Amino acid sequence: MAGALLDWMLDTEVNPQLPDAAATAEHAIGFIVAEIFVSESGEFTSRDGLTREQFIESVYDVSQQMAAKTNMSEHGAKADAIDKAIERGLRFLRRLYPREES
């Protein structure tokens, strides 16, 4: 995850200038939420025409969009704000992709 975050930070097409601490925290939150949720999803293979690869890509996209709305620069990248953002992101993804009953 650290490598992916560093790649994002140094990608000059996405970030013409090095992102500030708040933007980096927001992006890291998106990675954390996505990683936790994907690990929770277990052996998801496909559902409703959605492949595992599409599912994972969608989880990362949604996680990054949610994390970008946390406004860490406004609230400060404090531990409690980060925790709340992660919890909100996970709750949202759990509603968006409910587990199928076996």
N, C-alpha and C. Protein backbone atom coordinates (compact mmCIF):
# COMPACT_ATOMS: atom_id res chain seq x y z
N MET A 1 0.83 -1.18 0.00
CA MET A 1 0.00 0.00 0.00
C MET A 1 0.88 1.25 0.00
N ALA A 2 1.96 1.21 0.74
CA ALA A 2 2.86 2.37 0.78
C ALA A 2 3.44 2.65 -0.61
N GLY A 3 3.78 1.58 -1.32
CA GLY A 3 4.32 1.75 -2.67
C GLY A 3 3.30 2.37 -3.62
N ALA A 4 2.05 1.92 -3.51
CA ALA A 4 0.99 2.47 -4.37
C ALA A 4 0.75 3.94 -4.04
N LEU A 5 0.81 4.28 -2.77
CA LEU A 5 0.63 5.69 -2.36
C LEU A 5 1.78 6.54 -2.89
N LEU A 6 2.98 6.04 -2.78
CA LEU A 6 4.14 6.78 -3.29
C LEU A 6 4.06 6.93 -4.81
N ASP A 7 3.66 5.87 -5.52
CA ASP A 7 3.49 5.97 -6.97
C ASP A 7 2.48 7.06 -7.32
N TRP A 8 1.37 7.11 -6.58
CA TRP A 8 0.35 8.14 -6.83
C TRP A 8 0.93 9.52 -6.57
N MET A 9 1.66 9.67 -5.48
CA MET A 9 2.22 10.99 -5.13
C MET A 9 3.18 11.50 -6.21
N LEU A 10 3.96 10.58 -6.78
CA LEU A 10 4.99 10.97 -7.74
C LEU A 10 4.53 10.93 -9.19
N ASP A 11 3.27 10.57 -9.43
CA ASP A 11 2.72 10.54 -10.79
C ASP A 11 2.44 11.97 -11.25
N THR A 12 3.29 12.50 -12.09
CA THR A 12 3.18 13.90 -12.51
C THR A 12 1.97 14.14 -13.42
N GLU A 13 1.41 13.10 -14.03
CA GLU A 13 0.19 13.28 -14.83
C GLU A 13 -1.01 13.52 -13.92
N VAL A 14 -1.04 12.83 -12.80
CA VAL A 14 -2.14 12.97 -11.84
C VAL A 14 -1.88 14.17 -10.92
N ASN A 15 -0.65 14.32 -10.50
CA ASN A 15 -0.25 15.37 -9.56
C ASN A 15 0.89 16.18 -10.15
N PRO A 16 0.60 17.25 -10.88
CA PRO A 16 1.68 18.05 -11.45
C PRO A 16 2.64 18.58 -10.38
N GLN A 17 2.09 18.81 -9.18
CA GLN A 17 2.92 19.21 -8.03
C GLN A 17 2.75 18.16 -6.95
N LEU A 18 3.76 18.00 -6.13
CA LEU A 18 3.68 17.04 -5.04
C LEU A 18 2.48 17.36 -4.15
N PRO A 19 1.60 16.39 -3.89
CA PRO A 19 0.40 16.66 -3.08
C PRO A 19 0.79 17.05 -1.64
N ASP A 20 -0.04 17.89 -1.05
CA ASP A 20 0.21 18.28 0.33
C ASP A 20 -0.20 17.16 1.28
N ALA A 21 0.04 17.36 2.57
CA ALA A 21 -0.22 16.33 3.57
C ALA A 21 -1.70 15.94 3.60
N ALA A 22 -2.60 16.90 3.47
CA ALA A 22 -4.04 16.61 3.52
C ALA A 22 -4.46 15.74 2.34
N ALA A 23 -4.02 16.09 1.15
CA ALA A 23 -4.38 15.30 -0.04
C ALA A 23 -3.79 13.90 0.06
N THR A 24 -2.58 13.79 0.58
CA THR A 24 -1.94 12.49 0.74
C THR A 24 -2.70 11.65 1.77
N ALA A 25 -3.12 12.27 2.87
CA ALA A 25 -3.91 11.56 3.88
C ALA A 25 -5.23 11.07 3.30
N GLU A 26 -5.89 11.92 2.52
CA GLU A 26 -7.16 11.53 1.90
C GLU A 26 -6.97 10.34 0.97
N HIS A 27 -5.92 10.38 0.17
CA HIS A 27 -5.67 9.28 -0.76
C HIS A 27 -5.32 8.01 0.01
N ALA A 28 -4.55 8.13 1.06
CA ALA A 28 -4.20 6.97 1.89
C ALA A 28 -5.45 6.36 2.52
N ILE A 29 -6.38 7.20 2.95
CA ILE A 29 -7.64 6.71 3.51
C ILE A 29 -8.38 5.86 2.47
N GLY A 30 -8.41 6.34 1.24
CA GLY A 30 -9.05 5.58 0.17
C GLY A 30 -8.40 4.21 -0.02
N PHE A 31 -7.08 4.16 0.01
CA PHE A 31 -6.38 2.88 -0.10
C PHE A 31 -6.72 1.96 1.07
N ILE A 32 -6.71 2.51 2.27
CA ILE A 32 -6.98 1.71 3.46
C ILE A 32 -8.38 1.12 3.41
N VAL A 33 -9.36 1.96 3.10
CA VAL A 33 -10.75 1.50 3.02
C VAL A 33 -10.88 0.39 1.97
N ALA A 34 -10.31 0.61 0.80
CA ALA A 34 -10.40 -0.38 -0.27
C ALA A 34 -9.74 -1.69 0.14
N GLU A 35 -8.56 -1.62 0.71
CA GLU A 35 -7.84 -2.83 1.11
C GLU A 35 -8.62 -3.62 2.17
N ILE A 36 -9.15 -2.93 3.16
CA ILE A 36 -9.92 -3.61 4.20
C ILE A 36 -11.14 -4.26 3.58
N PHE A 37 -11.87 -3.51 2.76
CA PHE A 37 -13.10 -4.05 2.18
C PHE A 37 -12.82 -5.22 1.26
N VAL A 38 -11.81 -5.13 0.43
CA VAL A 38 -11.50 -6.23 -0.49
C VAL A 38 -11.11 -7.47 0.32
N SER A 39 -10.36 -7.28 1.40
CA SER A 39 -9.99 -8.45 2.22
C SER A 39 -11.23 -9.04 2.89
N GLU A 40 -12.20 -8.21 3.27
CA GLU A 40 -13.45 -8.70 3.86
C GLU A 40 -14.30 -9.45 2.84
N SER A 41 -14.19 -9.07 1.58
CA SER A 41 -15.08 -9.63 0.57
C SER A 41 -14.74 -11.08 0.24
N GLY A 42 -13.59 -11.53 0.69
CA GLY A 42 -13.24 -12.94 0.54
C GLY A 42 -13.11 -13.38 -0.90
N GLU A 43 -13.80 -14.43 -1.23
CA GLU A 43 -13.65 -15.08 -2.53
C GLU A 43 -14.63 -14.58 -3.57
N PHE A 44 -15.00 -13.32 -3.53
CA PHE A 44 -15.89 -12.76 -4.55
C PHE A 44 -15.29 -13.07 -5.90
N THR A 45 -16.03 -13.75 -6.75
CA THR A 45 -15.53 -14.04 -8.09
C THR A 45 -16.28 -13.24 -9.14
N SER A 46 -17.60 -13.34 -9.13
CA SER A 46 -18.39 -12.52 -10.04
C SER A 46 -19.82 -12.51 -9.56
N ARG A 47 -20.52 -11.44 -9.93
CA ARG A 47 -21.94 -11.31 -9.56
C ARG A 47 -22.54 -10.26 -10.48
N ASP A 48 -23.72 -10.54 -10.95
CA ASP A 48 -24.43 -9.60 -11.82
C ASP A 48 -23.56 -9.10 -12.97
N GLY A 49 -22.78 -10.02 -13.54
CA GLY A 49 -21.95 -9.67 -14.67
C GLY A 49 -20.70 -8.89 -14.31
N LEU A 50 -20.40 -8.77 -13.03
CA LEU A 50 -19.23 -8.02 -12.56
C LEU A 50 -18.12 -9.00 -12.24
N THR A 51 -16.99 -8.89 -12.94
CA THR A 51 -15.87 -9.78 -12.66
C THR A 51 -15.16 -9.33 -11.38
N ARG A 52 -14.32 -10.18 -10.85
CA ARG A 52 -13.55 -9.82 -9.64
C ARG A 52 -12.69 -8.59 -9.91
N GLU A 53 -12.07 -8.53 -11.08
CA GLU A 53 -11.22 -7.38 -11.42
C GLU A 53 -12.05 -6.09 -11.46
N GLN A 54 -13.23 -6.16 -12.07
CA GLN A 54 -14.11 -4.99 -12.12
C GLN A 54 -14.58 -4.59 -10.73
N PHE A 55 -14.89 -5.60 -9.91
CA PHE A 55 -15.30 -5.36 -8.53
C PHE A 55 -14.20 -4.61 -7.77
N ILE A 56 -12.97 -5.11 -7.85
CA ILE A 56 -11.86 -4.48 -7.13
C ILE A 56 -11.63 -3.07 -7.64
N GLU A 57 -11.64 -2.89 -8.95
CA GLU A 57 -11.45 -1.55 -9.53
C GLU A 57 -12.54 -0.60 -9.05
N SER A 58 -13.76 -1.08 -9.01
CA SER A 58 -14.89 -0.27 -8.54
C SER A 58 -14.73 0.10 -7.07
N VAL A 59 -14.31 -0.85 -6.26
CA VAL A 59 -14.09 -0.59 -4.83
C VAL A 59 -13.04 0.50 -4.65
N TYR A 60 -11.94 0.40 -5.39
CA TYR A 60 -10.90 1.43 -5.28
C TYR A 60 -11.40 2.79 -5.75
N ASP A 61 -12.13 2.82 -6.85
CA ASP A 61 -12.67 4.09 -7.35
C ASP A 61 -13.61 4.73 -6.34
N VAL A 62 -14.54 3.96 -5.82
CA VAL A 62 -15.50 4.48 -4.84
C VAL A 62 -14.77 4.94 -3.58
N SER A 63 -13.81 4.15 -3.13
CA SER A 63 -13.06 4.50 -1.92
C SER A 63 -12.32 5.82 -2.09
N GLN A 64 -11.71 6.01 -3.25
CA GLN A 64 -10.98 7.26 -3.49
C GLN A 64 -11.93 8.46 -3.56
N GLN A 65 -13.08 8.27 -4.19
CA GLN A 65 -14.06 9.35 -4.26
C GLN A 65 -14.55 9.73 -2.87
N MET A 66 -14.84 8.73 -2.06
CA MET A 66 -15.31 9.00 -0.68
C MET A 66 -14.20 9.69 0.13
N ALA A 67 -12.99 9.19 0.00
CA ALA A 67 -11.87 9.76 0.77
C ALA A 67 -11.60 11.21 0.37
N ALA A 68 -11.78 11.53 -0.90
CA ALA A 68 -11.55 12.90 -1.36
C ALA A 68 -12.53 13.88 -0.72
N LYS A 69 -13.67 13.37 -0.27
CA LYS A 69 -14.68 14.23 0.35
C LYS A 69 -14.46 14.43 1.85
N THR A 70 -13.41 13.84 2.41
CA THR A 70 -13.19 13.94 3.85
C THR A 70 -12.64 15.30 4.27
N ASN A 71 -12.10 16.06 3.32
CA ASN A 71 -11.59 17.40 3.59
C ASN A 71 -10.62 17.43 4.77
N MET A 72 -9.56 16.65 4.67
CA MET A 72 -8.56 16.60 5.73
C MET A 72 -7.90 17.96 5.95
N SER A 73 -7.82 18.78 4.91
CA SER A 73 -7.22 20.10 5.09
C SER A 73 -8.11 20.98 5.96
N GLU A 74 -9.41 20.75 5.88
CA GLU A 74 -10.36 21.52 6.67
C GLU A 74 -10.37 21.07 8.13
N HIS A 75 -10.33 19.77 8.34
CA HIS A 75 -10.43 19.21 9.68
C HIS A 75 -9.08 18.85 10.29
N GLY A 76 -8.06 18.80 9.48
CA GLY A 76 -6.76 18.35 9.95
C GLY A 76 -6.71 16.83 9.89
N ALA A 77 -5.54 16.32 9.60
CA ALA A 77 -5.39 14.87 9.46
C ALA A 77 -5.13 14.26 10.83
N LYS A 78 -6.10 14.40 11.71
CA LYS A 78 -5.98 13.86 13.07
C LYS A 78 -6.50 12.44 13.09
N ALA A 79 -6.01 11.68 14.05
CA ALA A 79 -6.35 10.25 14.13
C ALA A 79 -7.85 10.02 14.18
N ASP A 80 -8.59 10.80 14.97
CA ASP A 80 -10.03 10.56 15.06
C ASP A 80 -10.75 10.87 13.75
N ALA A 81 -10.31 11.90 13.03
CA ALA A 81 -10.92 12.21 11.73
C ALA A 81 -10.62 11.12 10.72
N ILE A 82 -9.41 10.59 10.76
CA ILE A 82 -9.03 9.49 9.86
C ILE A 82 -9.85 8.25 10.18
N ASP A 83 -9.96 7.92 11.47
CA ASP A 83 -10.76 6.76 11.89
C ASP A 83 -12.21 6.89 11.41
N LYS A 84 -12.80 8.05 11.59
CA LYS A 84 -14.19 8.26 11.18
C LYS A 84 -14.34 8.13 9.67
N ALA A 85 -13.38 8.65 8.93
CA ALA A 85 -13.45 8.56 7.47
C ALA A 85 -13.36 7.11 7.01
N ILE A 86 -12.51 6.33 7.65
CA ILE A 86 -12.38 4.91 7.30
C ILE A 86 -13.67 4.18 7.63
N GLU A 87 -14.22 4.43 8.80
CA GLU A 87 -15.47 3.78 9.20
C GLU A 87 -16.62 4.13 8.24
N ARG A 88 -16.72 5.40 7.87
CA ARG A 88 -17.77 5.83 6.93
C ARG A 88 -17.60 5.14 5.59
N GLY A 89 -16.38 5.09 5.11
CA GLY A 89 -16.11 4.45 3.83
C GLY A 89 -16.47 2.98 3.84
N LEU A 90 -16.12 2.29 4.90
CA LEU A 90 -16.46 0.86 5.00
C LEU A 90 -17.96 0.64 5.09
N ARG A 91 -18.66 1.46 5.87
CA ARG A 91 -20.12 1.33 5.96
C ARG A 91 -20.76 1.51 4.59
N PHE A 92 -20.28 2.52 3.84
CA PHE A 92 -20.84 2.79 2.52
C PHE A 92 -20.60 1.60 1.58
N LEU A 93 -19.38 1.09 1.56
CA LEU A 93 -19.08 -0.05 0.68
C LEU A 93 -19.87 -1.29 1.08
N ARG A 94 -20.06 -1.50 2.36
CA ARG A 94 -20.84 -2.66 2.81
C ARG A 94 -22.28 -2.56 2.35
N ARG A 95 -22.82 -1.35 2.28
CA ARG A 95 -24.19 -1.17 1.76
C ARG A 95 -24.21 -1.31 0.23
N LEU A 96 -23.18 -0.79 -0.42
CA LEU A 96 -23.11 -0.83 -1.87
C LEU A 96 -22.91 -2.25 -2.39
N TYR A 97 -22.10 -3.02 -1.68
CA TYR A 97 -21.81 -4.41 -2.09
C TYR A 97 -22.13 -5.35 -0.93
N PRO A 98 -23.43 -5.59 -0.68
CA PRO A 98 -23.77 -6.50 0.42
C PRO A 98 -23.32 -7.92 0.10
N ARG A 99 -23.02 -8.66 1.16
CA ARG A 99 -22.65 -10.06 0.98
C ARG A 99 -23.85 -10.85 0.52
N GLU A 100 -23.62 -11.76 -0.39
CA GLU A 100 -24.70 -12.65 -0.82
C GLU A 100 -24.84 -13.75 0.20
N GLU A 101 -26.05 -14.07 0.51
CA GLU A 101 -26.31 -15.18 1.43
C GLU A 101 -26.04 -16.49 0.70
N SER A 102 -25.38 -17.40 1.37
CA SER A 102 -25.05 -18.70 0.76
C SER A 102 -26.23 -19.64 0.83
